[in-house]
Protein backbone atom coordinates (compact mmCIF):
# COMPACT_ATOMS: atom_id res chain seq x y z
CA MET A 1 23.54 -13.56 23.11
CA ASP A 2 25.02 -16.95 24.00
CA TYR A 3 23.01 -19.30 21.76
CA GLU A 4 25.04 -22.36 22.73
CA LYS A 5 23.97 -21.90 26.34
CA ALA A 6 20.40 -20.71 25.73
CA ALA A 7 19.36 -23.46 23.26
CA PRO A 8 19.78 -26.44 25.64
CA GLU A 9 18.25 -24.38 28.44
CA ILE A 10 15.11 -23.73 26.39
CA LEU A 11 14.82 -27.39 25.43
CA LYS A 12 15.23 -28.48 29.03
CA LEU A 13 12.61 -26.00 30.29
CA CYS A 14 10.18 -27.33 27.68
CA GLY A 15 10.48 -30.87 29.03
CA GLY A 16 13.24 -32.03 26.73
CA SER A 17 13.03 -33.40 23.20
CA ALA A 18 10.88 -36.29 24.40
CA ASN A 19 8.13 -33.78 25.24
CA ILE A 20 8.26 -32.10 21.82
CA SER A 21 6.71 -33.58 18.67
CA SER A 22 8.14 -31.04 16.21
CA VAL A 23 10.23 -27.87 16.00
CA THR A 24 9.43 -25.16 13.45
CA HIS A 25 9.65 -21.40 13.17
CA CYS A 26 8.03 -18.45 11.42
CA ALA A 27 9.43 -14.95 10.91
CA THR A 28 10.05 -14.16 14.59
CA ARG A 29 8.94 -17.18 16.67
CA LEU A 30 10.38 -20.56 17.57
CA ARG A 31 7.47 -23.02 17.62
CA PHE A 32 7.29 -26.24 19.65
CA TYR A 33 4.43 -28.73 19.60
CA VAL A 34 4.48 -30.10 23.12
CA LEU A 35 3.00 -33.36 24.32
CA ASP A 36 2.52 -32.42 27.98
CA LYS A 37 2.10 -28.75 28.89
CA GLN A 38 2.63 -29.56 32.56
CA LYS A 39 6.29 -30.32 31.82
CA VAL A 40 6.89 -26.85 30.34
CA ASN A 41 8.15 -24.12 32.67
CA VAL A 42 6.84 -21.13 30.75
CA GLU A 43 7.87 -18.54 33.32
CA GLN A 44 11.47 -19.70 33.27
CA VAL A 45 11.48 -19.79 29.45
CA LYS A 46 10.53 -16.11 29.47
CA LYS A 47 13.61 -15.36 31.58
CA VAL A 48 16.06 -16.92 29.10
CA GLY A 49 18.22 -14.24 27.50
CA GLY A 50 16.88 -13.08 24.13
CA VAL A 51 13.34 -14.37 24.70
CA LEU A 52 10.79 -11.57 24.19
CA GLY A 53 7.74 -13.54 25.25
CA THR A 54 5.81 -16.80 24.95
CA VAL A 55 2.39 -17.69 23.56
CA TYR A 56 0.37 -20.90 23.62
CA SER A 57 -1.83 -21.68 20.62
CA GLY A 58 -3.43 -25.04 21.27
CA ASP A 59 -0.58 -27.49 21.82
CA GLU A 60 1.90 -25.15 20.18
CA LEU A 61 4.31 -23.17 22.34
CA GLN A 62 5.51 -20.09 20.50
CA ILE A 63 8.69 -18.48 21.82
CA VAL A 64 9.13 -14.95 20.50
CA LEU A 65 12.78 -14.28 19.66
CA GLY A 66 12.72 -11.53 17.02
CA LYS A 67 16.17 -10.99 15.49
CA ASN A 68 17.60 -13.86 17.56
CA LEU A 69 15.33 -16.43 15.91
CA ILE A 70 17.40 -18.08 13.18
CA PRO A 71 20.61 -18.68 15.18
CA MET A 72 18.55 -20.01 18.09
CA TYR A 73 16.39 -22.19 15.82
CA GLU A 74 19.45 -23.77 14.20
CA ARG A 75 20.98 -24.72 17.54
CA VAL A 76 17.71 -25.92 19.07
CA LEU A 77 16.90 -28.01 15.99
CA LYS A 78 20.35 -29.60 16.03
CA LEU A 79 20.02 -30.54 19.70
CA TYR A 80 16.44 -31.73 19.18
CA GLU A 81 17.39 -34.00 16.28
CA GLU A 82 20.40 -35.40 18.14
CA GLU A 83 18.29 -36.25 21.18
CA LYS A 84 15.51 -37.72 19.03
CA ALA A 85 17.99 -39.84 17.10
CA SER A 86 19.38 -41.31 20.31
CA ALA A 87 15.87 -42.13 21.57
CA GLU A 88 13.71 -45.04 20.42
CA PRO A 89 11.92 -43.82 17.23
CA GLU A 90 8.84 -45.94 17.71
CA THR A 91 8.40 -44.72 21.28
CA ALA A 92 8.41 -41.11 20.15
CA ARG A 93 6.00 -41.94 17.35
CA GLU A 94 3.56 -43.72 19.66
CA GLU A 95 3.64 -40.87 22.14
CA THR A 96 2.76 -38.37 19.42
CA GLN A 97 -0.02 -40.52 18.01
CA ASN A 98 -1.47 -41.07 21.49
CA GLU A 99 -1.35 -37.35 22.07
CA MET A 100 -3.14 -36.71 18.78
CA LYS A 101 -5.85 -39.19 19.76
CA SER A 102 -6.44 -37.71 23.17
CA ALA A 103 -10.14 -37.13 23.06
CA PRO A 104 -11.58 -33.86 24.26
CA THR A 105 -14.34 -35.95 25.81
CA GLN A 106 -12.02 -36.40 28.76
CA LYS A 107 -12.81 -32.80 29.60
CA ALA A 108 -15.89 -32.08 31.62
CA GLY A 109 -18.67 -30.11 30.04
CA GLY A 110 -19.75 -29.49 26.45
CA LYS A 111 -18.28 -25.99 26.26
CA LYS A 112 -14.91 -27.20 27.45
CA ARG A 113 -14.92 -30.02 24.91
CA ALA A 114 -15.78 -27.56 22.13
CA ALA A 115 -13.00 -25.21 23.25
CA GLU A 116 -10.52 -28.09 23.32
CA LEU A 117 -11.57 -29.21 19.85
CA GLY A 118 -11.30 -25.67 18.51
CA SER A 119 -7.88 -25.29 20.07
CA ARG A 120 -6.68 -28.51 18.46
CA LEU A 121 -8.08 -27.50 15.09
CA ILE A 122 -6.38 -24.10 15.19
CA GLY A 123 -3.15 -25.77 16.28
CA PHE A 124 -3.33 -28.23 13.39
CA VAL A 125 -4.00 -25.54 10.78
CA SER A 126 -1.27 -23.34 12.24
CA ALA A 127 1.19 -26.24 12.14
CA ALA A 128 0.38 -26.94 8.51
CA VAL A 129 0.76 -23.30 7.49
CA THR A 130 3.80 -22.24 9.53
CA PRO A 131 6.56 -23.98 7.50
CA MET A 132 5.51 -22.23 4.30
CA ILE A 133 5.18 -18.71 5.75
CA PRO A 134 8.81 -17.70 4.94
CA GLY A 135 8.23 -18.81 1.34
CA LEU A 136 5.00 -16.80 1.06
CA VAL A 137 6.74 -13.78 2.55
CA GLY A 138 9.69 -14.14 0.20
CA GLY A 139 7.45 -14.59 -2.82
CA GLY A 140 5.26 -11.67 -1.79
CA ILE A 141 8.22 -9.34 -1.31
CA LEU A 142 9.70 -10.39 -4.66
CA LYS A 143 6.35 -9.69 -6.34
CA THR A 144 6.30 -6.26 -4.72
CA LEU A 145 9.86 -5.45 -5.78
CA LEU A 146 9.15 -6.52 -9.37
CA LEU A 147 6.06 -4.32 -9.37
CA LEU A 148 8.10 -1.36 -8.09
CA VAL A 149 10.71 -1.87 -10.79
CA THR A 150 8.10 -2.03 -13.56
CA LEU A 151 6.51 1.19 -12.33
CA ALA A 152 9.85 2.97 -12.62
CA TRP A 153 10.98 1.06 -15.74
CA PRO A 154 7.98 -0.25 -17.75
CA ALA A 155 10.22 -1.94 -20.35
CA PHE A 156 11.50 -4.35 -17.69
CA GLU A 157 8.17 -6.19 -17.78
CA GLU A 158 8.93 -7.42 -21.31
CA MET A 159 12.34 -8.82 -20.42
CA SER A 160 13.17 -12.49 -19.81
CA THR A 161 14.65 -11.67 -16.42
CA TYR A 162 11.32 -10.30 -15.25
CA ASN A 163 9.47 -13.38 -16.45
CA LEU A 164 11.89 -15.78 -14.76
CA LEU A 165 11.85 -13.90 -11.46
CA SER A 166 8.05 -13.76 -11.62
CA MET A 167 8.01 -17.55 -11.87
CA VAL A 168 10.06 -17.83 -8.68
CA ALA A 169 7.75 -15.35 -6.92
CA ASN A 170 4.66 -17.32 -7.99
CA VAL A 171 5.90 -20.77 -6.94
CA PRO A 172 5.11 -20.47 -3.17
CA PHE A 173 1.51 -19.57 -4.02
CA TYR A 174 0.95 -21.91 -6.96
CA PHE A 175 2.27 -24.95 -5.08
CA MET A 176 0.81 -23.94 -1.72
CA PRO A 177 -1.11 -27.24 -1.33
CA VAL A 178 2.17 -29.17 -1.46
CA PHE A 179 3.74 -27.03 1.26
CA VAL A 180 0.58 -27.26 3.38
CA ALA A 181 0.68 -31.05 3.03
CA TYR A 182 4.24 -31.09 4.32
CA GLY A 183 3.38 -29.06 7.43
CA ALA A 184 0.25 -31.11 8.13
CA ALA A 185 2.13 -34.41 7.77
CA LYS A 186 4.86 -33.22 10.13
CA LYS A 187 2.24 -32.25 12.70
CA LEU A 188 0.57 -35.67 12.40
CA ASN A 189 3.96 -37.40 12.53
CA ALA A 190 3.15 -39.08 9.21
CA THR A 191 5.45 -39.57 6.22
CA PRO A 192 5.35 -36.15 4.47
CA ILE A 193 6.22 -37.34 0.97
CA PHE A 194 3.01 -39.36 0.61
CA SER A 195 0.63 -36.43 1.09
CA MET A 196 2.99 -34.12 -0.80
CA VAL A 197 2.96 -36.38 -3.86
CA VAL A 198 -0.83 -36.59 -3.88
CA THR A 199 -1.31 -32.83 -3.53
CA ALA A 200 1.35 -32.19 -6.17
CA ALA A 201 -0.60 -34.47 -8.50
CA LEU A 202 -3.60 -32.17 -8.15
CA VAL A 203 -1.64 -29.31 -9.77
CA TYR A 204 0.28 -31.55 -12.20
CA PRO A 205 -0.23 -30.18 -15.77
CA ASP A 206 -1.44 -33.51 -17.20
CA PHE A 207 -4.01 -33.89 -14.40
CA VAL A 208 -5.26 -30.34 -14.92
CA GLU A 209 -5.56 -30.98 -18.66
CA ALA A 210 -7.39 -34.30 -18.12
CA ILE A 211 -10.06 -32.97 -15.78
CA GLY A 212 -10.54 -29.87 -17.92
CA SER A 213 -11.06 -31.73 -21.17
CA GLU A 214 -14.44 -32.11 -22.84
CA THR A 215 -14.67 -35.78 -21.86
CA GLY A 216 -13.48 -35.15 -18.33
CA ALA A 217 -11.91 -37.86 -16.17
CA THR A 218 -13.08 -40.64 -13.87
CA MET A 219 -11.48 -42.52 -10.98
CA LEU A 220 -12.73 -46.11 -10.57
CA GLY A 221 -15.90 -45.08 -12.35
CA PHE A 222 -16.49 -42.00 -10.20
CA PRO A 223 -16.30 -38.58 -11.90
CA VAL A 224 -13.38 -36.30 -11.06
CA MET A 225 -14.60 -32.72 -10.75
CA ASP A 226 -12.90 -29.94 -12.69
CA VAL A 227 -11.45 -28.04 -9.73
CA THR A 228 -8.46 -25.69 -9.63
CA TYR A 229 -6.31 -26.65 -6.65
CA THR A 230 -3.52 -24.09 -6.92
CA SER A 231 -3.31 -21.72 -3.93
CA THR A 232 -5.78 -23.79 -1.86
CA LEU A 233 -5.60 -24.86 1.77
CA LEU A 234 -8.38 -27.21 2.83
CA PRO A 235 -7.97 -29.86 0.09
CA ALA A 236 -4.36 -30.33 1.19
CA LEU A 237 -5.36 -30.55 4.86
CA LEU A 238 -8.03 -33.18 4.21
CA ILE A 239 -5.71 -35.20 1.97
CA SER A 240 -2.93 -35.09 4.58
CA VAL A 241 -5.26 -36.40 7.30
CA CYS A 242 -6.44 -39.13 4.93
CA ALA A 243 -2.86 -40.11 4.05
CA TYR A 244 -2.00 -40.30 7.75
CA TYR A 245 -4.79 -42.76 8.53
CA VAL A 246 -4.27 -44.80 5.35
CA GLU A 247 -0.58 -45.15 6.11
CA LYS A 248 -1.36 -46.09 9.70
CA LEU A 249 -3.84 -48.75 8.55
CA LEU A 250 -1.49 -50.22 5.95
CA VAL A 251 1.35 -50.43 8.48
CA LYS A 252 -0.87 -52.73 10.54
CA ILE A 253 -2.11 -55.00 7.75
CA ILE A 254 0.89 -55.29 5.39
CA PRO A 255 3.44 -57.92 6.47
CA GLY A 256 6.75 -56.41 7.50
CA ILE A 257 8.79 -58.24 4.84
CA ILE A 258 6.92 -56.57 1.94
CA ARG A 259 5.88 -53.37 3.69
CA PRO A 260 8.67 -51.24 2.16
CA LEU A 261 7.40 -52.22 -1.30
CA LEU A 262 3.69 -51.69 -0.77
CA LEU A 263 3.32 -49.01 1.89
CA GLY A 264 4.12 -46.05 -0.38
CA VAL A 265 2.18 -47.18 -3.42
CA GLY A 266 -0.81 -48.16 -1.29
CA THR A 267 -0.91 -44.92 0.69
CA MET A 268 -0.51 -42.70 -2.36
CA SER A 269 -2.96 -44.61 -4.57
CA ILE A 270 -5.77 -44.83 -1.99
CA THR A 271 -5.31 -41.22 -0.88
CA PHE A 272 -5.21 -39.98 -4.47
CA ALA A 273 -8.41 -41.85 -5.32
CA LEU A 274 -10.21 -40.37 -2.32
CA GLY A 275 -8.62 -36.97 -2.83
CA THR A 276 -9.69 -36.54 -6.45
CA THR A 277 -13.26 -37.80 -5.99
CA VAL A 278 -14.25 -36.59 -2.51
CA LEU A 279 -11.73 -34.77 -0.35
CA GLY A 280 -10.32 -32.33 -2.92
CA PRO A 281 -13.69 -31.04 -4.18
CA LEU A 282 -15.05 -30.90 -0.63
CA GLY A 283 -12.06 -28.90 0.62
CA ASP A 284 -12.26 -26.54 -2.35
CA PHE A 285 -15.97 -25.94 -1.74
CA ILE A 286 -15.49 -25.24 1.98
CA GLY A 287 -12.44 -23.05 1.35
CA SER A 288 -14.22 -20.97 -1.29
CA TYR A 289 -17.23 -20.65 1.02
CA VAL A 290 -15.07 -19.38 3.89
CA VAL A 291 -13.30 -16.86 1.65
CA ASN A 292 -16.63 -15.64 0.31
CA ILE A 293 -17.89 -15.12 3.86
CA PHE A 294 -14.89 -12.88 4.60
CA LEU A 295 -15.31 -11.04 1.31
CA TRP A 296 -19.04 -10.65 1.95
CA SER A 297 -18.32 -9.06 5.34
CA GLY A 298 -15.94 -6.65 3.67
CA GLU A 299 -18.42 -5.70 0.98
CA HIS A 300 -21.64 -5.61 3.03
CA LEU A 301 -20.52 -4.48 6.47
CA GLY A 302 -18.68 -1.62 4.85
CA PRO A 303 -15.60 -0.04 6.40
CA VAL A 304 -16.47 -1.49 9.81
CA ALA A 305 -15.28 -4.96 8.75
CA VAL A 306 -11.73 -3.81 7.93
CA GLY A 307 -11.64 -1.69 11.08
CA ILE A 308 -12.73 -4.57 13.31
CA LEU A 309 -10.19 -7.02 11.86
CA ALA A 310 -7.38 -4.46 11.99
CA GLY A 311 -8.25 -3.57 15.59
CA CYS A 312 -8.24 -7.24 16.59
CA MET A 313 -4.93 -8.00 14.88
CA PRO A 314 -2.69 -7.29 17.92
CA PHE A 315 -4.48 -10.02 19.86
CA LEU A 316 -4.48 -12.43 16.90
CA VAL A 317 -0.72 -11.94 16.57
CA MET A 318 -0.18 -12.44 20.29
CA THR A 319 -2.06 -15.74 20.20
CA GLY A 320 -0.51 -16.84 16.91
CA MET A 321 -3.94 -17.13 15.27
CA HIS A 322 -3.12 -14.68 12.47
CA HIS A 323 -1.34 -17.41 10.47
CA ALA A 324 -4.49 -19.52 10.37
CA VAL A 325 -6.15 -17.11 7.92
CA THR A 326 -3.07 -16.54 5.74
CA PRO A 327 -3.99 -19.26 3.21
CA PHE A 328 -7.45 -17.76 2.77
CA MET A 329 -5.79 -14.44 1.96
CA VAL A 330 -3.76 -16.20 -0.74
CA GLN A 331 -6.90 -17.90 -2.02
CA ALA A 332 -8.74 -14.56 -2.22
CA ILE A 333 -5.97 -13.14 -4.42
CA SER A 334 -6.28 -16.24 -6.62
CA ASP A 335 -10.11 -16.17 -6.76
CA PRO A 336 -11.85 -13.69 -7.05
CA GLY A 337 -8.55 -11.88 -7.65
CA TYR A 338 -8.57 -9.15 -5.02
CA ASP A 339 -8.51 -8.66 -1.25
CA VAL A 340 -10.49 -5.89 0.41
CA LEU A 341 -10.15 -7.21 3.95
CA PHE A 342 -7.11 -9.26 4.97
CA ARG A 343 -4.15 -7.40 3.50
CA PRO A 344 -5.48 -3.91 4.34
CA ALA A 345 -6.10 -5.03 7.95
CA TYR A 346 -2.70 -6.74 8.27
CA LEU A 347 -0.88 -3.75 6.82
CA LEU A 348 -2.67 -1.17 8.93
CA HIS A 349 -2.05 -3.15 12.10
CA ASN A 350 1.69 -3.08 11.40
CA MET A 351 1.53 0.66 10.77
CA ALA A 352 -0.32 1.17 14.06
CA GLU A 353 2.27 -0.85 15.99
CA GLY A 354 4.93 1.41 14.51
CA GLY A 355 2.85 4.49 15.30
CA ALA A 356 2.50 3.44 18.95
CA CYS A 357 6.29 3.01 19.15
CA LEU A 358 6.68 6.53 17.76
CA GLY A 359 4.30 7.79 20.45
CA VAL A 360 6.40 6.11 23.13
CA ALA A 361 9.60 7.49 21.62
CA LEU A 362 8.25 11.03 21.54
CA ARG A 363 7.13 10.98 25.18
CA ALA A 364 9.79 8.79 26.81
CA LYS A 365 12.51 10.45 28.85
CA ASN A 366 14.90 7.51 28.82
CA LYS A 367 17.26 7.99 25.85
CA ALA A 368 17.84 4.27 25.38
CA LEU A 369 14.09 3.64 25.27
CA LYS A 370 13.64 6.51 22.80
CA ALA A 371 16.27 5.10 20.45
CA GLU A 372 14.89 1.58 20.69
CA CYS A 373 11.33 2.71 19.97
CA PHE A 374 12.37 4.68 16.89
CA SER A 375 14.16 1.56 15.67
CA LEU A 376 11.16 -0.67 16.39
CA ALA A 377 8.86 1.78 14.59
CA VAL A 378 11.00 1.49 11.47
CA GLY A 379 10.90 -2.29 11.81
CA CYS A 380 7.09 -2.29 11.94
CA ILE A 381 6.50 0.22 9.18
CA VAL A 382 9.28 -0.65 6.73
CA ALA A 383 10.04 -4.31 7.49
CA GLY A 384 6.59 -5.41 8.69
CA VAL A 385 7.96 -7.19 11.78
CA THR A 386 5.81 -6.38 14.82
CA GLU A 387 6.59 -8.96 17.51
CA PRO A 388 9.63 -7.08 18.91
CA ALA A 389 7.47 -3.97 19.22
CA ILE A 390 4.56 -5.88 20.78
CA TYR A 391 6.55 -7.87 23.32
CA GLY A 392 9.40 -5.43 23.81
CA VAL A 393 7.47 -2.18 24.32
CA ASN A 394 3.76 -1.92 23.59
CA LEU A 395 2.55 -4.86 25.66
CA PRO A 396 4.87 -4.32 28.68
CA LEU A 397 3.83 -0.66 28.85
CA ARG A 398 0.16 -1.71 28.39
CA LYS A 399 -1.35 1.63 27.39
CA PRO A 400 0.35 1.72 23.95
CA ILE A 401 -1.73 -1.33 23.03
CA ILE A 402 -4.77 0.94 23.29
CA GLY A 403 -3.07 3.25 20.83
CA VAL A 404 -2.39 0.31 18.50
CA VAL A 405 -6.04 -0.79 18.54
CA ALA A 406 -7.28 2.77 18.03
CA GLY A 407 -4.85 3.45 15.19
CA ALA A 408 -5.42 0.15 13.40
CA ALA A 409 -9.21 0.39 13.69
CA SER A 410 -9.26 4.01 12.51
CA GLY A 411 -7.01 3.23 9.58
CA GLY A 412 -9.15 0.20 8.74
CA VAL A 413 -12.35 2.25 8.68
CA VAL A 414 -10.71 4.81 6.40
CA ALA A 415 -9.40 2.05 4.12
CA GLY A 416 -12.89 0.58 3.94
CA ILE A 417 -14.51 3.93 3.17
CA LEU A 418 -11.99 4.73 0.43
CA GLY A 419 -12.05 1.21 -1.02
CA ALA A 420 -8.40 0.15 -0.52
CA THR A 421 -8.01 -3.15 -2.37
CA ALA A 422 -4.96 -5.41 -2.74
CA TYR A 423 -4.61 -7.09 -6.13
CA VAL A 424 -1.26 -8.86 -5.55
CA TYR A 425 -0.11 -10.93 -2.58
CA GLY A 426 2.54 -8.71 -1.03
CA TYR A 427 3.84 -8.18 2.48
CA SER A 428 2.46 -5.91 5.17
CA THR A 429 4.94 -3.03 4.94
CA ILE A 430 4.77 0.49 3.60
CA LEU A 431 6.88 -0.70 0.67
CA ALA A 432 4.00 -2.92 -0.45
CA ILE A 433 1.59 -0.11 -1.29
CA PRO A 434 1.98 -0.70 -5.09
CA ILE A 435 0.02 -3.95 -4.71
CA PHE A 436 -3.05 -1.76 -4.17
CA GLN A 437 -2.65 -0.48 -7.76
CA GLN A 438 -5.44 2.00 -8.60
CA THR A 439 -6.39 2.29 -4.90
CA ILE A 440 -2.91 3.34 -3.79
CA MET A 441 -4.05 6.73 -2.54
CA ALA A 442 -6.73 5.05 -0.43
CA ILE A 443 -4.22 2.88 1.41
CA VAL A 444 -1.70 5.74 1.72
CA ILE A 445 -4.31 7.88 3.49
CA ALA A 446 -5.32 4.93 5.69
CA ILE A 447 -1.68 4.30 6.60
CA ALA A 448 -1.21 7.93 7.60
CA VAL A 449 -4.35 7.78 9.76
CA ALA A 450 -3.24 4.54 11.46
CA ILE A 451 0.23 5.86 12.31
CA ILE A 452 -0.90 9.29 13.47
CA VAL A 453 -3.83 8.06 15.58
CA ALA A 454 -1.74 5.31 17.23
CA ALA A 455 1.07 7.75 18.01
CA ALA A 456 -1.28 10.46 19.28
CA VAL A 457 -3.33 8.15 21.51
CA THR A 458 -0.17 6.59 22.96
CA PHE A 459 1.39 10.01 23.58
CA VAL A 460 -1.75 11.40 25.25
CA LEU A 461 -2.43 8.36 27.45
CA GLY A 462 1.16 8.18 28.61
CA PHE A 463 2.83 5.20 30.28
CA ASP A 464 5.04 4.20 33.16
CA GLU A 465 8.61 3.89 31.86
CA SER A 466 9.65 1.99 34.97
CA GLN A 467 7.74 -1.04 33.65
CA ILE A 468 10.59 -1.52 31.17
CA ASN A 469 14.16 -1.70 32.37
CA ARG A 470 16.57 -0.15 29.85
């Protein structure tokens, strides 16, 4: 693939750097936050070599690239930064802020306004979460590998090497609020370090000790609640929004000659005061409430809850909405300490995608398609990467998606019945089954069901190979 040619073409088709507020990526997708969707030629973007598909999630354009992601991202980011640097910084900043303030009340009808607001909210959460996803994945895989090693070599758990590597694996989860603050600030076009410092202060050892002491702590006479902020999402989001508006206000009222001296201290101090007394506790309460709702559905709706979420996962992945619940999955592992819903559903969806690819491979007559589908199946099941399978085979052929839904839902129901429970934040691959600890057999059986049902349904329904040119 010619990245040097494709990168500027993609930027141009998206309206140029002036139409993009930020460039990020996840495991398989290049992500643009566009200012004007009308300037984006989505159909032509799909035709660029190496592009597997495109998805809009709010104002975010997700370009699925699979294995071509990192080289393409590096070239696109370089071009984007060069073009931004040559443009007037304040102009770009004002355009982004105006776009953020565009009120959904301009839309006609209450339902349309609600949909627009929901879309913006999902886009904001997704933007905040996306930059940290590679770190969560890396930390989760390292946790899984360490667990596998200790199962084969129990003495390794007592070694210094194990302890040090465990620290590295825990960092993305422990300091999740800091990483969320960075993503949120980038989306708001604010100064990231301000919100990052405030959220880091919430997990700072001296702060934790102060609020947990017998006498407690106060801020300007107001009590600071004893709240654990590690592995939380909403406190960081609220603090980042607060920091954005405080910084914006101070820029207007502080004279330019002393602004460099007072802007940072003012933004951080005011945001920290509000964060420790109001925003942090509020975000923690809402976040815990949301997690408990999910856990309640898993415990009281029985196996149906896991089956429904697993069956819906293909569509959540296609719309990019699956990342929005990732932090709540992390929070569930932190408190109450287990996950009976998210990880089983995520894992079984990946297995079903791989199973559908196996079904295609077994029935296809085209040798190239057969070979590709076997390869994609391995990618889904062993590596946990599903976008190439979704956009390369299962979605274009249409009927395999039915197999995916059937397999994932069936596996989810079985996992729910048998009580498959994740106790460690791992990754959604077959290699991560040790994170289910004493419920390993439950998830193994559910995995087998998901793969077999997806493959069988896909094979029986058949498909039109001519819909994919190989």
